[in-house]
Amino acid sequence: MIGSGWLLGALYAANAAGPASLITWVVGGLALLVIALVMVELGGSRPMSGGLVRWPFLSSGRLVATLVGWGIWIAYATTRRPRPRPCCSTRVRTSSTSMRTASSPRWALSSPSSSWC
């Protein structure tokens, strides 16, 4: 998830370790770069569906692939999806003084006004 937590983590690390905490960010970035390059190479050499589980199966066996698969499933199952927001109001003007919502009975809705989004 994208949020400000990673910024606060960097702040707390910088307060605790000082400028040396930047070294951990560089080392972590290099490790993720290596992992990304390995994933790109595997995707190019063995383009098959289910690569995130299939590649550990081919390299390390059934147990590792099972653990990776369950880990991915748990990560997907516990990630909360954001709720979609409507792009415009669902209110329709029925007269100059009253407003009805779109969930009102159809007979209560009037023709659309000129202020649609």
N, C-alpha and C. Protein backbone atom coordinates (compact mmCIF):
# COMPACT_ATOMS: atom_id res chain seq x y z
N MET A 1 0.83 -1.17 0.00
CA MET A 1 0.00 0.00 0.00
C MET A 1 0.88 1.24 0.00
N ILE A 2 0.40 2.26 -0.64
CA ILE A 2 1.13 3.50 -0.70
C ILE A 2 0.60 4.41 0.39
N GLY A 3 1.49 4.94 1.20
CA GLY A 3 1.10 5.84 2.27
C GLY A 3 2.30 6.57 2.80
N SER A 4 2.11 7.26 3.90
CA SER A 4 3.21 8.03 4.46
C SER A 4 3.99 7.25 5.50
N GLY A 5 3.64 6.02 5.76
CA GLY A 5 4.34 5.22 6.76
C GLY A 5 5.80 5.01 6.44
N TRP A 6 6.12 4.86 5.17
CA TRP A 6 7.52 4.65 4.81
C TRP A 6 8.33 5.92 5.05
N LEU A 7 7.71 7.06 4.97
CA LEU A 7 8.42 8.31 5.28
C LEU A 7 8.69 8.41 6.76
N LEU A 8 7.73 8.02 7.59
CA LEU A 8 7.94 8.06 9.03
C LEU A 8 8.97 7.03 9.46
N GLY A 9 9.00 5.88 8.79
CA GLY A 9 10.02 4.88 9.11
C GLY A 9 11.42 5.40 8.85
N ALA A 10 11.58 6.12 7.76
CA ALA A 10 12.88 6.71 7.45
C ALA A 10 13.24 7.78 8.48
N LEU A 11 12.27 8.54 8.93
CA LEU A 11 12.51 9.57 9.94
C LEU A 11 12.97 8.94 11.25
N TYR A 12 12.27 7.89 11.69
CA TYR A 12 12.65 7.23 12.94
C TYR A 12 14.02 6.58 12.83
N ALA A 13 14.33 5.98 11.67
CA ALA A 13 15.65 5.38 11.48
C ALA A 13 16.74 6.44 11.47
N ALA A 14 16.48 7.57 10.85
CA ALA A 14 17.47 8.65 10.83
C ALA A 14 17.68 9.23 12.22
N ASN A 15 16.62 9.31 13.01
CA ASN A 15 16.78 9.80 14.39
C ASN A 15 17.57 8.83 15.24
N ALA A 16 17.37 7.53 15.02
CA ALA A 16 18.04 6.53 15.85
C ALA A 16 19.49 6.30 15.42
N ALA A 17 19.73 6.20 14.10
CA ALA A 17 21.06 5.83 13.62
C ALA A 17 21.83 6.99 13.01
N GLY A 18 21.15 8.08 12.78
CA GLY A 18 21.84 9.21 12.17
C GLY A 18 22.02 9.00 10.68
N PRO A 19 23.05 9.62 10.11
CA PRO A 19 23.27 9.52 8.67
C PRO A 19 23.60 8.09 8.20
N ALA A 20 23.99 7.22 9.12
CA ALA A 20 24.30 5.85 8.73
C ALA A 20 23.05 5.10 8.26
N SER A 21 21.86 5.61 8.59
CA SER A 21 20.63 4.94 8.15
C SER A 21 20.48 5.02 6.63
N LEU A 22 21.13 5.98 6.00
CA LEU A 22 21.08 6.06 4.54
C LEU A 22 21.75 4.86 3.89
N ILE A 23 22.73 4.30 4.57
CA ILE A 23 23.42 3.11 4.03
C ILE A 23 22.43 1.95 3.91
N THR A 24 21.53 1.81 4.88
CA THR A 24 20.56 0.72 4.81
C THR A 24 19.60 0.92 3.65
N TRP A 25 19.23 2.16 3.35
CA TRP A 25 18.35 2.43 2.21
C TRP A 25 19.06 2.09 0.90
N VAL A 26 20.32 2.40 0.80
CA VAL A 26 21.08 2.08 -0.41
C VAL A 26 21.23 0.57 -0.57
N VAL A 27 21.56 -0.13 0.52
CA VAL A 27 21.71 -1.59 0.47
C VAL A 27 20.36 -2.24 0.12
N GLY A 28 19.27 -1.79 0.74
CA GLY A 28 17.95 -2.33 0.43
C GLY A 28 17.55 -2.07 -1.01
N GLY A 29 17.86 -0.88 -1.52
CA GLY A 29 17.56 -0.56 -2.92
C GLY A 29 18.34 -1.43 -3.88
N LEU A 30 19.61 -1.68 -3.58
CA LEU A 30 20.42 -2.56 -4.44
C LEU A 30 19.91 -4.00 -4.40
N ALA A 31 19.49 -4.46 -3.21
CA ALA A 31 18.94 -5.82 -3.12
C ALA A 31 17.66 -5.94 -3.93
N LEU A 32 16.79 -4.95 -3.86
CA LEU A 32 15.56 -5.00 -4.65
C LEU A 32 15.84 -4.88 -6.14
N LEU A 33 16.87 -4.15 -6.51
CA LEU A 33 17.26 -4.07 -7.92
C LEU A 33 17.72 -5.42 -8.43
N VAL A 34 18.50 -6.13 -7.64
CA VAL A 34 18.95 -7.47 -8.04
C VAL A 34 17.77 -8.42 -8.16
N ILE A 35 16.84 -8.36 -7.21
CA ILE A 35 15.66 -9.23 -7.27
C ILE A 35 14.82 -8.90 -8.51
N ALA A 36 14.66 -7.62 -8.81
CA ALA A 36 13.89 -7.23 -9.99
C ALA A 36 14.56 -7.71 -11.26
N LEU A 37 15.88 -7.62 -11.33
CA LEU A 37 16.59 -8.10 -12.52
C LEU A 37 16.46 -9.61 -12.68
N VAL A 38 16.48 -10.34 -11.58
CA VAL A 38 16.29 -11.80 -11.64
C VAL A 38 14.89 -12.12 -12.14
N MET A 39 13.87 -11.40 -11.65
CA MET A 39 12.51 -11.64 -12.10
C MET A 39 12.34 -11.32 -13.58
N VAL A 40 13.00 -10.26 -14.05
CA VAL A 40 12.94 -9.92 -15.48
C VAL A 40 13.60 -11.02 -16.31
N GLU A 41 14.73 -11.51 -15.86
CA GLU A 41 15.43 -12.56 -16.60
C GLU A 41 14.62 -13.85 -16.63
N LEU A 42 14.03 -14.21 -15.50
CA LEU A 42 13.20 -15.42 -15.47
C LEU A 42 11.97 -15.26 -16.34
N GLY A 43 11.36 -14.09 -16.31
CA GLY A 43 10.18 -13.86 -17.15
C GLY A 43 10.51 -13.92 -18.63
N GLY A 44 11.71 -13.48 -19.00
CA GLY A 44 12.10 -13.54 -20.40
C GLY A 44 12.51 -14.93 -20.85
N SER A 45 13.14 -15.69 -19.96
CA SER A 45 13.61 -17.02 -20.35
C SER A 45 12.53 -18.10 -20.22
N ARG A 46 11.62 -17.95 -19.28
CA ARG A 46 10.55 -18.93 -19.07
C ARG A 46 9.21 -18.20 -18.94
N PRO A 47 8.65 -17.73 -20.05
CA PRO A 47 7.37 -17.01 -19.98
C PRO A 47 6.20 -17.98 -19.82
N MET A 48 5.80 -18.22 -18.60
CA MET A 48 4.67 -19.12 -18.32
C MET A 48 3.79 -18.50 -17.25
N SER A 49 2.53 -18.87 -17.25
CA SER A 49 1.63 -18.33 -16.25
C SER A 49 1.97 -18.90 -14.88
N GLY A 50 1.69 -18.14 -13.85
CA GLY A 50 2.00 -18.57 -12.50
C GLY A 50 3.47 -18.51 -12.18
N GLY A 51 4.17 -17.58 -12.78
CA GLY A 51 5.62 -17.50 -12.63
C GLY A 51 6.09 -17.32 -11.21
N LEU A 52 5.33 -16.57 -10.39
CA LEU A 52 5.77 -16.33 -9.02
C LEU A 52 5.80 -17.60 -8.19
N VAL A 53 5.05 -18.62 -8.58
CA VAL A 53 5.09 -19.91 -7.89
C VAL A 53 5.85 -20.93 -8.73
N ARG A 54 5.75 -20.85 -10.03
CA ARG A 54 6.39 -21.83 -10.91
C ARG A 54 7.91 -21.74 -10.85
N TRP A 55 8.45 -20.52 -10.81
CA TRP A 55 9.91 -20.37 -10.78
C TRP A 55 10.52 -20.93 -9.50
N PRO A 56 9.95 -20.69 -8.30
CA PRO A 56 10.49 -21.37 -7.12
C PRO A 56 10.34 -22.89 -7.20
N PHE A 57 9.27 -23.37 -7.86
CA PHE A 57 9.11 -24.81 -8.02
C PHE A 57 10.22 -25.39 -8.88
N LEU A 58 10.55 -24.72 -9.97
CA LEU A 58 11.60 -25.22 -10.86
C LEU A 58 12.99 -25.12 -10.23
N SER A 59 13.19 -24.10 -9.40
CA SER A 59 14.53 -23.92 -8.83
C SER A 59 14.73 -24.61 -7.49
N SER A 60 13.67 -24.69 -6.66
CA SER A 60 13.88 -25.17 -5.29
C SER A 60 12.98 -26.31 -4.88
N GLY A 61 12.03 -26.70 -5.69
CA GLY A 61 11.20 -27.85 -5.35
C GLY A 61 9.81 -27.50 -4.89
N ARG A 62 9.06 -28.57 -4.60
CA ARG A 62 7.65 -28.45 -4.28
C ARG A 62 7.39 -27.74 -2.95
N LEU A 63 8.19 -27.99 -1.92
CA LEU A 63 7.96 -27.39 -0.61
C LEU A 63 8.11 -25.86 -0.67
N VAL A 64 9.18 -25.40 -1.31
CA VAL A 64 9.40 -23.95 -1.41
C VAL A 64 8.30 -23.31 -2.24
N ALA A 65 7.90 -23.94 -3.33
CA ALA A 65 6.83 -23.40 -4.16
C ALA A 65 5.51 -23.34 -3.40
N THR A 66 5.24 -24.33 -2.57
CA THR A 66 4.03 -24.33 -1.76
C THR A 66 4.05 -23.20 -0.75
N LEU A 67 5.18 -23.01 -0.08
CA LEU A 67 5.29 -21.92 0.89
C LEU A 67 5.17 -20.56 0.23
N VAL A 68 5.79 -20.40 -0.92
CA VAL A 68 5.68 -19.13 -1.66
C VAL A 68 4.25 -18.90 -2.11
N GLY A 69 3.60 -19.93 -2.62
CA GLY A 69 2.21 -19.80 -3.06
C GLY A 69 1.28 -19.41 -1.93
N TRP A 70 1.42 -20.05 -0.77
CA TRP A 70 0.60 -19.69 0.38
C TRP A 70 0.92 -18.27 0.85
N GLY A 71 2.18 -17.89 0.81
CA GLY A 71 2.54 -16.52 1.20
C GLY A 71 1.91 -15.49 0.29
N ILE A 72 1.92 -15.76 -1.01
CA ILE A 72 1.29 -14.84 -1.96
C ILE A 72 -0.22 -14.80 -1.75
N TRP A 73 -0.83 -15.96 -1.51
CA TRP A 73 -2.27 -15.99 -1.28
C TRP A 73 -2.65 -15.21 -0.03
N ILE A 74 -1.88 -15.38 1.05
CA ILE A 74 -2.16 -14.65 2.29
C ILE A 74 -1.98 -13.15 2.06
N ALA A 75 -0.96 -12.76 1.31
CA ALA A 75 -0.75 -11.34 1.03
C ALA A 75 -1.91 -10.76 0.23
N TYR A 76 -2.40 -11.49 -0.77
CA TYR A 76 -3.54 -11.01 -1.56
C TYR A 76 -4.82 -10.99 -0.73
N ALA A 77 -5.00 -12.02 0.11
CA ALA A 77 -6.24 -12.13 0.88
C ALA A 77 -6.33 -11.09 1.98
N THR A 78 -5.22 -10.64 2.52
CA THR A 78 -5.25 -9.69 3.63
C THR A 78 -5.06 -8.25 3.20
N THR A 79 -4.84 -8.01 1.92
CA THR A 79 -4.69 -6.64 1.44
C THR A 79 -6.07 -6.04 1.24
N ARG A 80 -6.29 -4.90 1.86
CA ARG A 80 -7.58 -4.23 1.75
C ARG A 80 -7.62 -3.39 0.48
N ARG A 81 -8.65 -3.60 -0.32
CA ARG A 81 -8.80 -2.81 -1.54
C ARG A 81 -9.43 -1.47 -1.20
N PRO A 82 -9.02 -0.41 -1.89
CA PRO A 82 -9.66 0.88 -1.66
C PRO A 82 -11.09 0.88 -2.19
N ARG A 83 -11.96 1.62 -1.53
CA ARG A 83 -13.34 1.70 -1.98
C ARG A 83 -13.44 2.75 -3.08
N PRO A 84 -14.13 2.42 -4.17
CA PRO A 84 -14.25 3.40 -5.25
C PRO A 84 -15.12 4.57 -4.84
N ARG A 85 -14.78 5.74 -5.34
CA ARG A 85 -15.56 6.94 -5.07
C ARG A 85 -16.34 7.30 -6.33
N PRO A 86 -17.56 7.77 -6.18
CA PRO A 86 -18.31 8.18 -7.37
C PRO A 86 -17.68 9.42 -7.98
N CYS A 87 -17.75 9.51 -9.30
CA CYS A 87 -17.13 10.64 -9.98
C CYS A 87 -18.00 11.88 -9.93
N CYS A 88 -19.28 11.71 -9.70
CA CYS A 88 -20.15 12.88 -9.61
C CYS A 88 -21.28 12.58 -8.66
N SER A 89 -22.03 13.58 -8.33
CA SER A 89 -23.14 13.45 -7.40
C SER A 89 -24.26 12.62 -8.00
N THR A 90 -24.97 11.87 -7.16
CA THR A 90 -26.09 11.07 -7.63
C THR A 90 -27.41 11.77 -7.38
N ARG A 91 -27.37 13.04 -7.07
CA ARG A 91 -28.60 13.78 -6.80
C ARG A 91 -29.15 14.38 -8.08
N VAL A 92 -30.46 14.37 -8.15
CA VAL A 92 -31.16 14.94 -9.31
C VAL A 92 -32.11 16.00 -8.78
N ARG A 93 -32.14 17.12 -9.43
CA ARG A 93 -33.01 18.22 -8.99
C ARG A 93 -34.44 17.94 -9.47
N THR A 94 -35.39 17.97 -8.52
CA THR A 94 -36.79 17.76 -8.88
C THR A 94 -37.55 19.07 -8.96
N SER A 95 -37.11 20.03 -8.20
CA SER A 95 -37.68 21.37 -8.29
C SER A 95 -36.61 22.34 -7.83
N SER A 96 -36.92 23.58 -7.78
CA SER A 96 -35.90 24.54 -7.39
C SER A 96 -35.59 24.48 -5.91
N THR A 97 -36.42 23.82 -5.09
CA THR A 97 -36.19 23.82 -3.65
C THR A 97 -35.90 22.45 -3.07
N SER A 98 -36.21 21.37 -3.77
CA SER A 98 -36.01 20.04 -3.19
C SER A 98 -35.02 19.22 -4.02
N MET A 99 -34.38 18.29 -3.36
CA MET A 99 -33.44 17.37 -4.02
C MET A 99 -33.85 15.95 -3.68
N ARG A 100 -33.80 15.07 -4.65
CA ARG A 100 -34.06 13.65 -4.44
C ARG A 100 -32.79 12.90 -4.80
N THR A 101 -32.55 11.78 -4.15
CA THR A 101 -31.38 10.97 -4.49
C THR A 101 -31.75 9.96 -5.56
N ALA A 102 -30.73 9.36 -6.17
CA ALA A 102 -30.98 8.39 -7.23
C ALA A 102 -31.63 7.12 -6.69
N SER A 103 -31.58 6.90 -5.37
CA SER A 103 -32.22 5.72 -4.81
C SER A 103 -33.71 5.94 -4.54
N SER A 104 -34.21 7.15 -4.79
CA SER A 104 -35.63 7.43 -4.65
C SER A 104 -36.40 6.67 -5.72
N PRO A 105 -37.72 6.52 -5.54
CA PRO A 105 -38.51 5.86 -6.59
C PRO A 105 -38.38 6.59 -7.92
N ARG A 106 -38.48 5.84 -9.00
CA ARG A 106 -38.27 6.42 -10.32
C ARG A 106 -39.26 7.54 -10.61
N TRP A 107 -40.49 7.42 -10.10
CA TRP A 107 -41.48 8.46 -10.38
C TRP A 107 -41.11 9.78 -9.73
N ALA A 108 -40.23 9.75 -8.68
CA ALA A 108 -39.86 10.98 -7.98
C ALA A 108 -38.74 11.73 -8.70
N LEU A 109 -38.09 11.07 -9.66
CA LEU A 109 -36.98 11.72 -10.35
C LEU A 109 -37.50 12.50 -11.55
N SER A 110 -36.96 13.65 -11.73
CA SER A 110 -37.37 14.45 -12.89
C SER A 110 -36.31 14.32 -13.96
N SER A 111 -36.50 15.04 -15.02
CA SER A 111 -35.51 14.99 -16.10
C SER A 111 -34.21 15.63 -15.61
N PRO A 112 -33.07 15.20 -16.17
CA PRO A 112 -31.79 15.72 -15.72
C PRO A 112 -31.69 17.21 -15.94
N SER A 113 -31.09 17.88 -14.99
CA SER A 113 -30.90 19.32 -15.14
C SER A 113 -29.63 19.57 -15.97
N SER A 114 -29.35 20.83 -16.21
CA SER A 114 -28.19 21.17 -17.05
C SER A 114 -26.90 21.12 -16.27
N SER A 115 -26.94 20.78 -14.99
CA SER A 115 -25.71 20.78 -14.19
C SER A 115 -25.15 19.39 -13.97
N TRP A 116 -25.13 18.54 -14.99
CA TRP A 116 -24.53 17.21 -14.88
C TRP A 116 -23.02 17.34 -14.95
N CYS A 117 -22.31 16.45 -14.29
CA CYS A 117 -20.85 16.52 -14.33
C CYS A 117 -20.28 15.73 -15.49
